[in-house]
Amino acid sequence: MNAVCHADYIIRSNIKIEFFPDKVKITSPGGIFDASLDDIMNGVQTYRNPRLVHIFDKLGMIENFGTGIPRTMYSYKDYDVKPEFKATDNFFIVTLPNVNYLGDQINDQINDPIKDQINDIGLEILKAIKQHPGIKVPEIVNILYEVDPSITADKVRNSIKRNLTKYVEHKGSNKTGGYYLIKK
């Protein structure tokens, strides 16, 4: 919606949304209107198409507070990957990383033809460890509870011990340590 509201419709180009395994890239015609990238990152509002903004606001499709970019940045605060915002004179490009993407390392390991069978819970555990290196079992349980409400700490520990020892290691003491992906 942001790209639709802020596009420069005089430029003969379309809004382009590209999906990749590790990210989504949105390219909108028209650079930043009447502000700098720093201004926009700090929530400054500018309108290239004020009537469009007004219509979408009245329809409840946007909030019209100028907080989109700061809120986007905040939503990635707990992850290693961060969104990227690039502005040229004619285009505004937003790249949103997929926080569930495990990267080539895990995908190569998982797609290895001689791998052990890894069930859905095992894959979710790997994702949680990838996103939160050093995570402890209770935190994994909290994350996986959304996927499987019957998940328990024992199920997580058993899955790690039985199916994930090639991919996961525990570092530190039992009390203060956590789980990390094994780098190959």
N, C-alpha and C. Protein backbone atom coordinates (compact mmCIF):
# COMPACT_ATOMS: atom_id res chain seq x y z
N MET A 1 0.83 -1.19 0.00
CA MET A 1 0.00 0.00 0.00
C MET A 1 0.87 1.25 0.00
N ASN A 2 1.98 1.19 0.70
CA ASN A 2 2.87 2.34 0.75
C ASN A 2 3.39 2.66 -0.64
N ALA A 3 3.77 1.64 -1.39
CA ALA A 3 4.29 1.85 -2.74
C ALA A 3 3.22 2.46 -3.63
N VAL A 4 1.99 2.02 -3.49
CA VAL A 4 0.89 2.57 -4.29
C VAL A 4 0.66 4.03 -3.93
N CYS A 5 0.69 4.36 -2.66
CA CYS A 5 0.43 5.73 -2.21
C CYS A 5 1.54 6.70 -2.63
N HIS A 6 2.77 6.23 -2.67
CA HIS A 6 3.90 7.14 -2.86
C HIS A 6 4.57 7.03 -4.22
N ALA A 7 4.03 6.19 -5.11
CA ALA A 7 4.65 6.03 -6.43
C ALA A 7 4.54 7.32 -7.23
N ASP A 8 5.53 7.51 -8.10
CA ASP A 8 5.50 8.63 -9.04
C ASP A 8 4.91 8.09 -10.33
N TYR A 9 3.65 8.41 -10.59
CA TYR A 9 2.95 7.83 -11.73
C TYR A 9 3.31 8.49 -13.05
N ILE A 10 4.15 9.51 -13.02
CA ILE A 10 4.65 10.11 -14.26
C ILE A 10 5.76 9.23 -14.85
N ILE A 11 6.51 8.54 -13.97
CA ILE A 11 7.56 7.63 -14.44
C ILE A 11 6.90 6.39 -15.04
N ARG A 12 7.31 6.03 -16.23
CA ARG A 12 6.71 4.88 -16.91
C ARG A 12 7.35 3.60 -16.39
N SER A 13 6.91 3.19 -15.22
CA SER A 13 7.42 1.97 -14.59
C SER A 13 6.35 1.46 -13.64
N ASN A 14 6.39 0.19 -13.39
CA ASN A 14 5.43 -0.43 -12.47
C ASN A 14 6.04 -0.59 -11.09
N ILE A 15 5.18 -0.73 -10.10
CA ILE A 15 5.62 -1.18 -8.78
C ILE A 15 5.97 -2.65 -8.95
N LYS A 16 7.16 -3.02 -8.54
CA LYS A 16 7.60 -4.40 -8.71
C LYS A 16 7.82 -5.03 -7.35
N ILE A 17 7.19 -6.19 -7.13
CA ILE A 17 7.37 -6.94 -5.89
C ILE A 17 7.94 -8.30 -6.28
N GLU A 18 9.17 -8.56 -5.80
CA GLU A 18 9.87 -9.80 -6.13
C GLU A 18 10.02 -10.65 -4.88
N PHE A 19 9.67 -11.93 -5.00
CA PHE A 19 9.79 -12.86 -3.88
C PHE A 19 10.96 -13.80 -4.12
N PHE A 20 11.84 -13.89 -3.13
CA PHE A 20 12.98 -14.79 -3.15
C PHE A 20 12.89 -15.64 -1.88
N PRO A 21 13.60 -16.77 -1.82
CA PRO A 21 13.54 -17.57 -0.59
C PRO A 21 13.98 -16.81 0.66
N ASP A 22 14.94 -15.90 0.50
CA ASP A 22 15.51 -15.21 1.65
C ASP A 22 15.02 -13.77 1.85
N LYS A 23 14.18 -13.26 0.92
CA LYS A 23 13.76 -11.86 1.03
C LYS A 23 12.61 -11.54 0.08
N VAL A 24 12.01 -10.37 0.31
CA VAL A 24 11.06 -9.76 -0.61
C VAL A 24 11.63 -8.40 -0.97
N LYS A 25 11.63 -8.09 -2.25
CA LYS A 25 12.17 -6.81 -2.70
C LYS A 25 11.06 -6.04 -3.40
N ILE A 26 10.80 -4.82 -2.92
CA ILE A 26 9.74 -3.97 -3.48
C ILE A 26 10.41 -2.74 -4.09
N THR A 27 10.17 -2.54 -5.38
CA THR A 27 10.72 -1.40 -6.08
C THR A 27 9.57 -0.52 -6.54
N SER A 28 9.60 0.72 -6.11
CA SER A 28 8.53 1.67 -6.41
C SER A 28 9.08 2.82 -7.24
N PRO A 29 8.41 3.18 -8.34
CA PRO A 29 8.87 4.33 -9.12
C PRO A 29 8.70 5.62 -8.32
N GLY A 30 9.71 6.44 -8.39
CA GLY A 30 9.69 7.70 -7.66
C GLY A 30 10.57 7.61 -6.44
N GLY A 31 11.57 8.45 -6.36
CA GLY A 31 12.42 8.49 -5.17
C GLY A 31 11.64 9.10 -4.01
N ILE A 32 12.35 9.44 -2.97
CA ILE A 32 11.70 10.06 -1.81
C ILE A 32 11.24 11.45 -2.19
N PHE A 33 10.03 11.78 -1.85
CA PHE A 33 9.44 13.06 -2.22
C PHE A 33 9.68 14.10 -1.13
N ASP A 34 10.42 15.14 -1.46
CA ASP A 34 10.55 16.33 -0.62
C ASP A 34 11.08 16.04 0.79
N ALA A 35 12.01 15.09 0.89
CA ALA A 35 12.64 14.76 2.19
C ALA A 35 13.90 13.95 1.91
N SER A 36 14.65 13.64 2.95
CA SER A 36 15.82 12.78 2.82
C SER A 36 15.48 11.39 3.36
N LEU A 37 16.33 10.43 3.07
CA LEU A 37 16.13 9.08 3.60
C LEU A 37 16.18 9.10 5.12
N ASP A 38 17.08 9.90 5.71
CA ASP A 38 17.14 10.02 7.17
C ASP A 38 15.82 10.57 7.72
N ASP A 39 15.25 11.57 7.05
CA ASP A 39 13.96 12.12 7.49
C ASP A 39 12.90 11.02 7.51
N ILE A 40 12.83 10.26 6.42
CA ILE A 40 11.82 9.20 6.30
C ILE A 40 12.05 8.13 7.37
N MET A 41 13.30 7.77 7.62
CA MET A 41 13.61 6.75 8.63
C MET A 41 13.18 7.20 10.02
N ASN A 42 13.11 8.50 10.23
CA ASN A 42 12.69 9.04 11.52
C ASN A 42 11.22 9.40 11.57
N GLY A 43 10.44 8.96 10.57
CA GLY A 43 9.00 9.11 10.63
C GLY A 43 8.44 10.39 10.04
N VAL A 44 9.26 11.14 9.29
CA VAL A 44 8.74 12.35 8.65
C VAL A 44 7.78 11.95 7.54
N GLN A 45 6.65 12.61 7.47
CA GLN A 45 5.64 12.33 6.45
C GLN A 45 5.78 13.30 5.29
N THR A 46 5.80 12.77 4.09
CA THR A 46 5.70 13.59 2.89
C THR A 46 4.72 12.90 1.95
N TYR A 47 4.04 13.70 1.16
CA TYR A 47 3.01 13.12 0.27
C TYR A 47 3.23 13.55 -1.16
N ARG A 48 3.50 12.61 -2.01
CA ARG A 48 3.53 12.87 -3.45
C ARG A 48 2.10 12.86 -3.97
N ASN A 49 1.28 11.99 -3.42
CA ASN A 49 -0.10 11.80 -3.86
C ASN A 49 -1.05 11.95 -2.67
N PRO A 50 -1.25 13.18 -2.17
CA PRO A 50 -2.04 13.36 -0.95
C PRO A 50 -3.48 12.86 -1.06
N ARG A 51 -4.07 12.93 -2.22
CA ARG A 51 -5.46 12.45 -2.36
C ARG A 51 -5.53 10.93 -2.24
N LEU A 52 -4.55 10.24 -2.82
CA LEU A 52 -4.51 8.78 -2.67
C LEU A 52 -4.33 8.41 -1.20
N VAL A 53 -3.42 9.09 -0.52
CA VAL A 53 -3.19 8.83 0.89
C VAL A 53 -4.48 9.05 1.68
N HIS A 54 -5.17 10.13 1.39
CA HIS A 54 -6.41 10.45 2.09
C HIS A 54 -7.47 9.36 1.85
N ILE A 55 -7.61 8.92 0.61
CA ILE A 55 -8.61 7.88 0.29
C ILE A 55 -8.29 6.58 1.02
N PHE A 56 -7.03 6.12 0.94
CA PHE A 56 -6.67 4.87 1.60
C PHE A 56 -6.77 4.97 3.11
N ASP A 57 -6.50 6.16 3.64
CA ASP A 57 -6.67 6.39 5.08
C ASP A 57 -8.14 6.26 5.46
N LYS A 58 -9.01 6.91 4.71
CA LYS A 58 -10.46 6.85 5.00
C LYS A 58 -11.00 5.44 4.86
N LEU A 59 -10.43 4.66 3.95
CA LEU A 59 -10.87 3.27 3.78
C LEU A 59 -10.29 2.34 4.85
N GLY A 60 -9.41 2.88 5.69
CA GLY A 60 -8.81 2.08 6.76
C GLY A 60 -7.72 1.14 6.26
N MET A 61 -7.18 1.41 5.08
CA MET A 61 -6.15 0.53 4.50
C MET A 61 -4.74 0.95 4.91
N ILE A 62 -4.57 2.17 5.38
CA ILE A 62 -3.29 2.65 5.87
C ILE A 62 -3.55 3.44 7.15
N GLU A 63 -2.49 3.71 7.90
CA GLU A 63 -2.65 4.46 9.15
C GLU A 63 -2.36 5.94 8.98
N ASN A 64 -1.51 6.30 8.01
CA ASN A 64 -1.21 7.70 7.73
C ASN A 64 -0.58 8.42 8.92
N PHE A 65 0.37 7.75 9.58
CA PHE A 65 1.08 8.36 10.69
C PHE A 65 2.56 8.57 10.39
N GLY A 66 3.04 8.10 9.25
CA GLY A 66 4.45 8.23 8.92
C GLY A 66 5.35 7.33 9.75
N THR A 67 4.80 6.23 10.26
CA THR A 67 5.59 5.34 11.12
C THR A 67 5.93 4.01 10.46
N GLY A 68 5.65 3.86 9.16
CA GLY A 68 5.86 2.58 8.49
C GLY A 68 7.29 2.09 8.55
N ILE A 69 8.25 2.93 8.21
CA ILE A 69 9.64 2.50 8.21
C ILE A 69 10.15 2.27 9.63
N PRO A 70 9.91 3.19 10.57
CA PRO A 70 10.34 2.88 11.94
C PRO A 70 9.71 1.60 12.50
N ARG A 71 8.43 1.35 12.19
CA ARG A 71 7.79 0.12 12.68
C ARG A 71 8.37 -1.11 11.99
N THR A 72 8.71 -0.97 10.71
CA THR A 72 9.34 -2.08 10.00
C THR A 72 10.69 -2.41 10.64
N MET A 73 11.47 -1.39 10.93
CA MET A 73 12.77 -1.60 11.58
C MET A 73 12.57 -2.25 12.95
N TYR A 74 11.59 -1.79 13.70
CA TYR A 74 11.32 -2.34 15.04
C TYR A 74 10.93 -3.82 14.95
N SER A 75 10.20 -4.20 13.92
CA SER A 75 9.76 -5.59 13.81
C SER A 75 10.93 -6.55 13.58
N TYR A 76 12.07 -6.04 13.16
CA TYR A 76 13.26 -6.87 12.94
C TYR A 76 14.26 -6.76 14.08
N LYS A 77 13.90 -6.09 15.17
CA LYS A 77 14.87 -5.80 16.24
C LYS A 77 15.47 -7.06 16.87
N ASP A 78 14.75 -8.17 16.88
CA ASP A 78 15.25 -9.39 17.52
C ASP A 78 15.95 -10.33 16.55
N TYR A 79 16.20 -9.88 15.34
CA TYR A 79 16.79 -10.76 14.32
C TYR A 79 18.13 -10.21 13.85
N ASP A 80 18.97 -11.11 13.35
CA ASP A 80 20.27 -10.71 12.81
C ASP A 80 20.11 -9.99 11.47
N VAL A 81 19.10 -10.36 10.71
CA VAL A 81 18.86 -9.72 9.41
C VAL A 81 18.05 -8.45 9.61
N LYS A 82 18.30 -7.46 8.77
CA LYS A 82 17.61 -6.17 8.88
C LYS A 82 17.09 -5.75 7.50
N PRO A 83 15.99 -5.02 7.48
CA PRO A 83 15.49 -4.51 6.19
C PRO A 83 16.44 -3.45 5.63
N GLU A 84 16.41 -3.32 4.31
CA GLU A 84 17.23 -2.31 3.65
C GLU A 84 16.32 -1.35 2.89
N PHE A 85 16.65 -0.08 2.95
CA PHE A 85 15.91 0.96 2.25
C PHE A 85 16.89 1.73 1.39
N LYS A 86 16.64 1.79 0.09
CA LYS A 86 17.51 2.52 -0.83
C LYS A 86 16.65 3.49 -1.62
N ALA A 87 17.18 4.68 -1.80
CA ALA A 87 16.46 5.69 -2.58
C ALA A 87 17.38 6.25 -3.64
N THR A 88 16.87 6.32 -4.86
CA THR A 88 17.55 7.03 -5.94
C THR A 88 16.63 8.16 -6.35
N ASP A 89 17.02 8.92 -7.35
CA ASP A 89 16.15 10.00 -7.81
C ASP A 89 14.83 9.47 -8.37
N ASN A 90 14.86 8.26 -8.93
CA ASN A 90 13.67 7.75 -9.61
C ASN A 90 13.02 6.52 -8.99
N PHE A 91 13.66 5.91 -7.99
CA PHE A 91 13.10 4.69 -7.42
C PHE A 91 13.34 4.63 -5.92
N PHE A 92 12.43 3.95 -5.24
CA PHE A 92 12.58 3.65 -3.82
C PHE A 92 12.52 2.13 -3.71
N ILE A 93 13.55 1.53 -3.11
CA ILE A 93 13.66 0.08 -3.05
C ILE A 93 13.70 -0.37 -1.59
N VAL A 94 12.80 -1.27 -1.25
CA VAL A 94 12.74 -1.83 0.10
C VAL A 94 13.02 -3.32 -0.02
N THR A 95 13.97 -3.82 0.77
CA THR A 95 14.27 -5.24 0.82
C THR A 95 13.97 -5.73 2.23
N LEU A 96 13.02 -6.67 2.32
CA LEU A 96 12.59 -7.22 3.61
C LEU A 96 13.09 -8.66 3.71
N PRO A 97 14.07 -8.92 4.57
CA PRO A 97 14.58 -10.29 4.71
C PRO A 97 13.51 -11.23 5.29
N ASN A 98 13.56 -12.47 4.85
CA ASN A 98 12.69 -13.52 5.38
C ASN A 98 13.34 -14.05 6.65
N VAL A 99 12.77 -13.76 7.79
CA VAL A 99 13.36 -14.19 9.07
C VAL A 99 13.27 -15.70 9.27
N ASN A 100 12.46 -16.38 8.47
CA ASN A 100 12.34 -17.83 8.57
C ASN A 100 13.29 -18.57 7.65
N TYR A 101 14.04 -17.83 6.83
CA TYR A 101 14.97 -18.45 5.91
C TYR A 101 16.19 -18.94 6.68
N LEU A 102 16.52 -20.20 6.50
CA LEU A 102 17.61 -20.80 7.27
C LEU A 102 18.96 -20.65 6.60
N GLY A 103 18.99 -20.18 5.39
CA GLY A 103 20.26 -19.97 4.72
C GLY A 103 20.76 -21.22 4.05
N ASP A 104 21.79 -21.04 3.24
CA ASP A 104 22.33 -22.15 2.47
C ASP A 104 22.90 -23.25 3.36
N GLN A 105 23.47 -22.86 4.51
CA GLN A 105 24.08 -23.87 5.38
C GLN A 105 23.05 -24.91 5.82
N ILE A 106 21.94 -24.45 6.37
CA ILE A 106 20.92 -25.39 6.84
C ILE A 106 20.26 -26.09 5.68
N ASN A 107 19.95 -25.35 4.61
CA ASN A 107 19.30 -25.98 3.47
C ASN A 107 20.18 -27.06 2.87
N ASP A 108 21.50 -26.81 2.76
CA ASP A 108 22.40 -27.83 2.24
C ASP A 108 22.41 -29.05 3.16
N GLN A 109 22.44 -28.82 4.46
CA GLN A 109 22.45 -29.94 5.40
C GLN A 109 21.14 -30.72 5.33
N ILE A 110 20.04 -30.00 5.28
CA ILE A 110 18.74 -30.66 5.28
C ILE A 110 18.51 -31.40 3.97
N ASN A 111 19.01 -30.87 2.85
CA ASN A 111 18.81 -31.49 1.55
C ASN A 111 19.86 -32.56 1.23
N ASP A 112 20.78 -32.78 2.15
CA ASP A 112 21.80 -33.80 1.98
C ASP A 112 21.11 -35.16 1.86
N PRO A 113 21.40 -35.93 0.79
CA PRO A 113 20.69 -37.20 0.59
C PRO A 113 20.94 -38.24 1.68
N ILE A 114 22.01 -38.12 2.46
CA ILE A 114 22.25 -39.11 3.50
C ILE A 114 21.85 -38.57 4.88
N LYS A 115 21.02 -37.55 4.90
CA LYS A 115 20.60 -36.94 6.16
C LYS A 115 19.66 -37.85 6.94
N ASP A 116 19.56 -37.58 8.22
CA ASP A 116 18.55 -38.24 9.02
C ASP A 116 17.20 -37.63 8.67
N GLN A 117 16.15 -38.33 8.99
CA GLN A 117 14.83 -37.77 8.80
C GLN A 117 14.60 -36.68 9.84
N ILE A 118 14.28 -35.49 9.37
CA ILE A 118 13.98 -34.40 10.29
C ILE A 118 12.50 -34.06 10.12
N ASN A 119 11.76 -34.17 11.21
CA ASN A 119 10.33 -33.90 11.15
C ASN A 119 10.08 -32.39 11.22
N ASP A 120 8.80 -32.01 11.14
CA ASP A 120 8.44 -30.59 11.15
C ASP A 120 8.90 -29.89 12.43
N ILE A 121 8.78 -30.56 13.56
CA ILE A 121 9.21 -29.96 14.83
C ILE A 121 10.72 -29.73 14.79
N GLY A 122 11.46 -30.69 14.26
CA GLY A 122 12.90 -30.54 14.14
C GLY A 122 13.27 -29.33 13.28
N LEU A 123 12.55 -29.15 12.18
CA LEU A 123 12.80 -27.99 11.32
C LEU A 123 12.49 -26.69 12.05
N GLU A 124 11.42 -26.68 12.82
CA GLU A 124 11.06 -25.48 13.58
C GLU A 124 12.11 -25.18 14.65
N ILE A 125 12.66 -26.24 15.26
CA ILE A 125 13.72 -26.05 16.25
C ILE A 125 14.94 -25.43 15.56
N LEU A 126 15.31 -25.94 14.39
CA LEU A 126 16.44 -25.39 13.65
C LEU A 126 16.21 -23.92 13.31
N LYS A 127 15.00 -23.58 12.90
CA LYS A 127 14.68 -22.18 12.59
C LYS A 127 14.84 -21.30 13.82
N ALA A 128 14.33 -21.78 14.95
CA ALA A 128 14.41 -21.00 16.19
C ALA A 128 15.86 -20.77 16.60
N ILE A 129 16.70 -21.80 16.47
CA ILE A 129 18.11 -21.67 16.83
C ILE A 129 18.83 -20.75 15.85
N LYS A 130 18.48 -20.84 14.57
CA LYS A 130 19.08 -19.96 13.56
C LYS A 130 18.75 -18.50 13.86
N GLN A 131 17.51 -18.23 14.22
CA GLN A 131 17.06 -16.86 14.48
C GLN A 131 17.57 -16.33 15.82
N HIS A 132 17.78 -17.23 16.78
CA HIS A 132 18.17 -16.81 18.13
C HIS A 132 19.33 -17.67 18.63
N PRO A 133 20.54 -17.46 18.09
CA PRO A 133 21.68 -18.27 18.56
C PRO A 133 21.85 -18.16 20.08
N GLY A 134 22.11 -19.29 20.71
CA GLY A 134 22.27 -19.31 22.17
C GLY A 134 20.96 -19.51 22.90
N ILE A 135 19.91 -19.82 22.17
CA ILE A 135 18.57 -19.99 22.75
C ILE A 135 18.55 -21.20 23.68
N LYS A 136 17.72 -21.11 24.70
CA LYS A 136 17.55 -22.19 25.67
C LYS A 136 16.24 -22.94 25.38
N VAL A 137 16.12 -24.14 25.91
CA VAL A 137 14.95 -24.98 25.64
C VAL A 137 13.63 -24.29 25.98
N PRO A 138 13.48 -23.63 27.15
CA PRO A 138 12.19 -22.99 27.43
C PRO A 138 11.81 -21.92 26.39
N GLU A 139 12.82 -21.23 25.86
CA GLU A 139 12.53 -20.22 24.82
C GLU A 139 12.11 -20.90 23.52
N ILE A 140 12.73 -22.04 23.21
CA ILE A 140 12.33 -22.80 22.02
C ILE A 140 10.89 -23.26 22.17
N VAL A 141 10.54 -23.75 23.35
CA VAL A 141 9.17 -24.20 23.61
C VAL A 141 8.19 -23.04 23.38
N ASN A 142 8.52 -21.85 23.87
CA ASN A 142 7.64 -20.69 23.68
C ASN A 142 7.43 -20.37 22.21
N ILE A 143 8.50 -20.45 21.42
CA ILE A 143 8.40 -20.15 19.99
C ILE A 143 7.59 -21.23 19.28
N LEU A 144 7.85 -22.50 19.61
CA LEU A 144 7.18 -23.60 18.93
C LEU A 144 5.74 -23.80 19.37
N TYR A 145 5.38 -23.23 20.50
CA TYR A 145 4.01 -23.39 21.01
C TYR A 145 2.99 -22.87 19.99
N GLU A 146 3.36 -21.83 19.24
CA GLU A 146 2.45 -21.30 18.22
C GLU A 146 2.21 -22.31 17.11
N VAL A 147 3.23 -23.13 16.79
CA VAL A 147 3.12 -24.13 15.73
C VAL A 147 2.43 -25.39 16.25
N ASP A 148 2.79 -25.78 17.48
CA ASP A 148 2.27 -27.01 18.07
C ASP A 148 2.02 -26.79 19.57
N PRO A 149 0.77 -26.54 19.95
CA PRO A 149 0.48 -26.28 21.37
C PRO A 149 0.79 -27.45 22.30
N SER A 150 1.01 -28.63 21.75
CA SER A 150 1.33 -29.79 22.61
C SER A 150 2.84 -29.91 22.85
N ILE A 151 3.62 -28.96 22.37
CA ILE A 151 5.08 -29.04 22.52
C ILE A 151 5.47 -28.92 23.99
N THR A 152 6.47 -29.68 24.38
CA THR A 152 6.99 -29.63 25.75
C THR A 152 8.51 -29.54 25.70
N ALA A 153 9.11 -29.20 26.82
CA ALA A 153 10.56 -29.14 26.91
C ALA A 153 11.16 -30.52 26.62
N ASP A 154 10.52 -31.59 27.11
CA ASP A 154 11.03 -32.94 26.86
C ASP A 154 11.02 -33.28 25.37
N LYS A 155 9.96 -32.86 24.66
CA LYS A 155 9.90 -33.12 23.21
C LYS A 155 11.02 -32.38 22.49
N VAL A 156 11.29 -31.16 22.90
CA VAL A 156 12.36 -30.39 22.27
C VAL A 156 13.71 -31.05 22.54
N ARG A 157 13.98 -31.38 23.80
CA ARG A 157 15.26 -32.03 24.15
C ARG A 157 15.43 -33.36 23.41
N ASN A 158 14.37 -34.16 23.36
CA ASN A 158 14.45 -35.46 22.68
C ASN A 158 14.69 -35.28 21.19
N SER A 159 14.03 -34.32 20.58
CA SER A 159 14.23 -34.07 19.16
C SER A 159 15.66 -33.65 18.87
N ILE A 160 16.21 -32.80 19.73
CA ILE A 160 17.60 -32.37 19.55
C ILE A 160 18.54 -33.56 19.70
N LYS A 161 18.34 -34.37 20.74
CA LYS A 161 19.23 -35.52 21.00
C LYS A 161 19.12 -36.60 19.94
N ARG A 162 17.91 -36.84 19.44
CA ARG A 162 17.70 -37.96 18.52
C ARG A 162 17.92 -37.59 17.05
N ASN A 163 17.54 -36.37 16.65
CA ASN A 163 17.53 -36.05 15.23
C ASN A 163 18.42 -34.88 14.80
N LEU A 164 18.85 -34.07 15.75
CA LEU A 164 19.51 -32.82 15.34
C LEU A 164 20.96 -32.70 15.79
N THR A 165 21.55 -33.79 16.27
CA THR A 165 22.92 -33.69 16.80
C THR A 165 23.93 -33.31 15.72
N LYS A 166 23.64 -33.57 14.45
CA LYS A 166 24.54 -33.18 13.37
C LYS A 166 24.47 -31.68 13.07
N TYR A 167 23.39 -31.05 13.52
CA TYR A 167 23.13 -29.67 13.16
C TYR A 167 23.21 -28.69 14.32
N VAL A 168 23.08 -29.19 15.54
CA VAL A 168 22.94 -28.33 16.71
C VAL A 168 23.94 -28.74 17.78
N GLU A 169 24.49 -27.75 18.47
CA GLU A 169 25.37 -28.04 19.61
C GLU A 169 25.00 -27.13 20.78
N HIS A 170 25.24 -27.63 21.96
CA HIS A 170 25.01 -26.84 23.18
C HIS A 170 26.34 -26.27 23.62
N LYS A 171 26.38 -24.98 23.85
CA LYS A 171 27.60 -24.33 24.33
C LYS A 171 27.33 -23.73 25.69
N GLY A 172 28.29 -23.84 26.59
CA GLY A 172 28.15 -23.27 27.92
C GLY A 172 27.62 -24.29 28.91
N SER A 173 27.38 -23.81 30.11
CA SER A 173 26.90 -24.70 31.17
C SER A 173 25.43 -25.04 30.94
N ASN A 174 24.96 -26.06 31.65
CA ASN A 174 23.55 -26.43 31.53
C ASN A 174 22.64 -25.30 31.99
N LYS A 175 23.10 -24.52 32.93
CA LYS A 175 22.27 -23.45 33.49
C LYS A 175 22.26 -22.19 32.62
N THR A 176 23.43 -21.80 32.13
CA THR A 176 23.52 -20.52 31.41
C THR A 176 23.78 -20.68 29.93
N GLY A 177 24.06 -21.87 29.44
CA GLY A 177 24.39 -22.09 28.04
C GLY A 177 23.15 -22.13 27.16
N GLY A 178 23.39 -22.32 25.87
CA GLY A 178 22.29 -22.40 24.92
C GLY A 178 22.68 -23.17 23.68
N TYR A 179 21.75 -23.27 22.75
CA TYR A 179 21.94 -24.04 21.52
C TYR A 179 22.35 -23.14 20.37
N TYR A 180 23.27 -23.68 19.55
CA TYR A 180 23.78 -22.99 18.38
C TYR A 180 23.81 -23.98 17.21
N LEU A 181 23.75 -23.44 15.98
CA LEU A 181 23.92 -24.28 14.81
C LEU A 181 25.39 -24.62 14.68
N ILE A 182 25.67 -25.83 14.25
CA ILE A 182 27.05 -26.25 14.00
C ILE A 182 27.44 -25.71 12.64
N LYS A 183 28.56 -25.01 12.58
CA LYS A 183 29.05 -24.48 11.31
C LYS A 183 29.94 -25.51 10.66
N LYS A 184 29.65 -25.76 9.38
CA LYS A 184 30.45 -26.76 8.65
C LYS A 184 31.34 -26.08 7.67
